[in-house]
């Protein structure tokens, strides 16, 4: 399915004196699908919003790798009820800067 998407993002990161780093980002947008949705006689339209928060500490490393904890929430509202959903997820990743 083809669609046009418009999205705005805003984010901020704070590095604390203790070495802790926190960040938050917000996404808002909409999708307009091309062509009528079957049985609806009009195009599908979605509006979505997402929030992501990440935290890590620069002094906490394991063999030079720093773990990051990230949690996100996404909400999608559509004029086709089948495509209304929300997703919450958290994860840990490790990174290393050279």
Protein backbone atom coordinates (compact mmCIF):
# COMPACT_ATOMS: atom_id res chain seq x y z
CA UNK A 1 0.00 0.00 0.00
CA UNK A 2 1.28 3.42 -0.90
CA UNK A 3 0.92 6.30 1.51
CA UNK A 4 2.10 9.81 2.24
CA UNK A 5 3.48 10.33 5.74
CA UNK A 6 4.09 13.54 7.63
CA UNK A 7 5.94 13.37 10.93
CA UNK A 8 7.38 15.82 13.46
CA UNK A 9 9.99 14.77 16.02
CA UNK A 10 11.31 16.49 19.11
CA UNK A 11 13.99 15.18 21.43
CA UNK A 12 16.29 16.16 24.25
CA UNK A 13 19.28 14.59 25.98
CA UNK A 14 20.63 15.48 29.43
CA UNK A 15 24.08 14.47 30.66
CA UNK A 16 24.09 14.63 34.45
CA UNK A 17 27.18 15.44 36.57
CA UNK A 18 27.17 11.88 37.92
CA UNK A 19 27.76 10.45 34.42
CA UNK A 20 24.14 9.43 33.94
CA UNK A 21 22.66 10.24 30.54
CA UNK A 22 18.92 10.44 29.89
CA UNK A 23 17.07 11.20 26.69
CA UNK A 24 13.49 11.51 25.58
CA UNK A 25 11.97 11.88 22.13
CA UNK A 26 8.43 12.44 20.90
CA UNK A 27 7.09 11.68 17.41
CA UNK A 28 3.72 12.83 16.06
CA UNK A 29 2.43 12.19 12.59
CA UNK A 30 -0.17 11.04 10.14
CA UNK A 31 -0.39 8.72 7.15
CA UNK A 32 -2.73 9.18 4.23
CA UNK A 33 -3.07 6.04 2.12
CA UNK A 34 -3.54 6.23 -1.63
CA UNK A 35 -6.75 4.71 -2.96
CA UNK A 36 -9.92 3.59 -1.22
CA UNK A 37 -9.70 0.93 1.47
CA UNK A 38 -11.75 -2.16 0.46
CA UNK A 39 -15.28 -2.14 1.93
CA UNK A 40 -14.80 1.40 3.26
CA UNK A 41 -15.13 3.41 0.03
CA UNK A 42 -12.60 5.97 1.26
CA UNK A 43 -8.84 6.05 1.85
CA UNK A 44 -7.38 4.83 5.12
CA UNK A 45 -6.06 7.61 7.39
CA UNK A 46 -3.81 7.01 10.41
CA UNK A 47 -2.64 9.36 13.15
CA UNK A 48 0.20 8.20 15.41
CA UNK A 49 2.23 9.32 18.41
CA UNK A 50 5.30 7.77 19.97
CA UNK A 51 7.42 8.41 23.04
CA UNK A 52 10.88 6.93 23.66
CA UNK A 53 13.03 7.24 26.79
CA UNK A 54 16.63 6.04 27.10
CA UNK A 55 19.03 5.93 30.04
CA UNK A 56 22.64 4.87 30.44
CA UNK A 57 25.60 5.59 32.70
CA UNK A 58 29.02 6.34 31.20
CA UNK A 59 30.92 4.88 34.16
CA UNK A 60 29.13 1.54 33.98
CA UNK A 61 30.90 -0.51 31.33
CA UNK A 62 31.51 -4.18 30.69
CA UNK A 63 34.64 -4.92 28.65
CA UNK A 64 34.38 -1.41 27.19
CA UNK A 65 30.70 -1.73 26.30
CA UNK A 66 28.00 0.45 27.85
CA UNK A 67 24.49 -0.96 28.36
CA UNK A 68 21.53 1.27 27.44
CA UNK A 69 17.98 0.81 28.71
CA UNK A 70 15.30 2.09 26.35
CA UNK A 71 11.50 2.05 26.64
CA UNK A 72 9.02 3.21 24.03
CA UNK A 73 5.29 3.55 23.52
CA UNK A 74 3.51 3.93 20.17
CA UNK A 75 -0.19 4.62 19.63
CA UNK A 76 -1.80 4.42 16.17
CA UNK A 77 -5.39 5.51 15.54
CA UNK A 78 -6.95 4.76 12.16
CA UNK A 79 -10.28 5.28 10.45
CA UNK A 80 -10.08 1.50 9.84
CA UNK A 81 -10.52 -0.11 13.29
CA UNK A 82 -8.37 -3.09 12.29
CA UNK A 83 -5.34 -0.77 12.32
CA UNK A 84 -5.88 0.81 15.76
CA UNK A 85 -3.10 -0.40 18.04
CA UNK A 86 -0.64 0.51 20.75
CA UNK A 87 2.76 -1.01 21.45
CA UNK A 88 4.90 -0.76 24.58
CA UNK A 89 8.38 -2.20 24.62
CA UNK A 90 11.58 -2.02 26.61
CA UNK A 91 14.98 -3.32 25.70
CA UNK A 92 18.62 -3.32 26.59
CA UNK A 93 21.35 -2.80 24.05
CA UNK A 94 25.08 -2.46 24.40
CA UNK A 95 27.23 0.02 22.54
CA UNK A 96 30.83 1.04 22.28
CA UNK A 97 32.21 4.31 20.95
CA UNK A 98 35.58 4.41 19.25
